[in-house]
Amino acid sequence: MILDFEPGDKVINPVNKDWGIGQVQSIIKEKVTVNFENVGKKVINVKNIELEKIG
């Protein structure tokens, strides 16, 4: 699986849209750390949750 994210990318979690827009902080294997505007920093396992890149 190739991840199409880089630090600084803006993303949303389509399952939890109320988290707001997030900015990718780091990527380590399948774990992406994202700082969301409404809930703060979350570590997302992209095997379980598919983030959508925006803008």
C-alpha atoms as a PDB file:
ATOM      1  CA  MET A   1       0.000   0.000   0.000  1.00  0.00           C
ATOM      2  CA  ILE A   2       1.394   3.375  -1.025  1.00  0.00           C
ATOM      3  CA  LEU A   3       0.200   6.365   0.945  1.00  0.00           C
ATOM      4  CA  ASP A   4      -0.380   9.544  -0.991  1.00  0.00           C
ATOM      5  CA  PHE A   5       0.167  11.856   1.981  1.00  0.00           C
ATOM      6  CA  GLU A   6       2.964  14.187   2.960  1.00  0.00           C
ATOM      7  CA  PRO A   7       3.397  16.308   6.082  1.00  0.00           C
ATOM      8  CA  GLY A   8       1.442  19.510   5.615  1.00  0.00           C
ATOM      9  CA  ASP A   9      -1.333  17.945   3.506  1.00  0.00           C
ATOM     10  CA  LYS A  10      -4.890  18.857   4.478  1.00  0.00           C
ATOM     11  CA  VAL A  11      -7.219  15.899   5.051  1.00  0.00           C
ATOM     12  CA  ILE A  12     -10.619  14.989   6.446  1.00  0.00           C
ATOM     13  CA  ASN A  13     -11.806  11.821   8.124  1.00  0.00           C
ATOM     14  CA  PRO A  14     -14.967  10.955   6.165  1.00  0.00           C
ATOM     15  CA  VAL A  15     -16.233   8.804   9.060  1.00  0.00           C
ATOM     16  CA  ASN A  16     -15.898  11.694  11.562  1.00  0.00           C
ATOM     17  CA  LYS A  17     -16.403  14.859   9.508  1.00  0.00           C
ATOM     18  CA  ASP A  18     -17.118  16.814  12.693  1.00  0.00           C
ATOM     19  CA  TRP A  19     -13.398  16.530  13.516  1.00  0.00           C
ATOM     20  CA  GLY A  20     -12.910  19.241  10.900  1.00  0.00           C
ATOM     21  CA  ILE A  21      -9.972  19.708   8.595  1.00  0.00           C
ATOM     22  CA  GLY A  22      -6.749  18.099   9.677  1.00  0.00           C
ATOM     23  CA  GLN A  23      -3.132  18.704   8.748  1.00  0.00           C
ATOM     24  CA  VAL A  24      -0.812  15.722   8.379  1.00  0.00           C
ATOM     25  CA  GLN A  25       2.038  15.986  10.893  1.00  0.00           C
ATOM     26  CA  SER A  26       3.945  12.759  10.286  1.00  0.00           C
ATOM     27  CA  ILE A  27       3.706   9.384   8.600  1.00  0.00           C
ATOM     28  CA  ILE A  28       5.279   6.239  10.048  1.00  0.00           C
ATOM     29  CA  LYS A  29       4.403   3.084   8.103  1.00  0.00           C
ATOM     30  CA  GLU A  30       0.582   2.918   8.076  1.00  0.00           C
ATOM     31  CA  LYS A  31       0.141   5.370  10.971  1.00  0.00           C
ATOM     32  CA  VAL A  32      -0.548   8.986  10.061  1.00  0.00           C
ATOM     33  CA  THR A  33      -0.518  11.656  12.774  1.00  0.00           C
ATOM     34  CA  VAL A  34      -3.025  14.381  11.952  1.00  0.00           C
ATOM     35  CA  ASN A  35      -3.790  17.579  13.860  1.00  0.00           C
ATOM     36  CA  PHE A  36      -7.546  18.172  13.451  1.00  0.00           C
ATOM     37  CA  GLU A  37      -9.046  21.622  14.044  1.00  0.00           C
ATOM     38  CA  ASN A  38     -11.847  20.386  16.346  1.00  0.00           C
ATOM     39  CA  VAL A  39     -10.332  17.421  18.210  1.00  0.00           C
ATOM     40  CA  GLY A  40      -6.588  18.010  18.158  1.00  0.00           C
ATOM     41  CA  LYS A  41      -3.935  15.459  17.349  1.00  0.00           C
ATOM     42  CA  LYS A  42      -4.971  11.933  16.355  1.00  0.00           C
ATOM     43  CA  VAL A  43      -2.923   8.962  15.184  1.00  0.00           C
ATOM     44  CA  ILE A  44      -4.835   7.302  12.350  1.00  0.00           C
ATOM     45  CA  ASN A  45      -4.139   3.765  11.184  1.00  0.00           C
ATOM     46  CA  VAL A  46      -4.875   4.072   7.475  1.00  0.00           C
ATOM     47  CA  LYS A  47      -5.551   0.333   7.267  1.00  0.00           C
ATOM     48  CA  ASN A  48      -8.688   1.006   9.353  1.00  0.00           C
ATOM     49  CA  ILE A  49      -9.656   4.585   8.426  1.00  0.00           C
ATOM     50  CA  GLU A  50      -9.301   6.010   4.948  1.00  0.00           C
ATOM     51  CA  LEU A  51      -8.466   9.711   5.053  1.00  0.00           C
ATOM     52  CA  GLU A  52      -9.471  11.961   2.175  1.00  0.00           C
ATOM     53  CA  LYS A  53      -7.003  14.536   0.920  1.00  0.00           C
ATOM     54  CA  ILE A  54      -8.523  17.969   0.243  1.00  0.00           C
ATOM     55  CA  GLY A  55      -7.419  21.084  -1.582  1.00  0.00           C
END
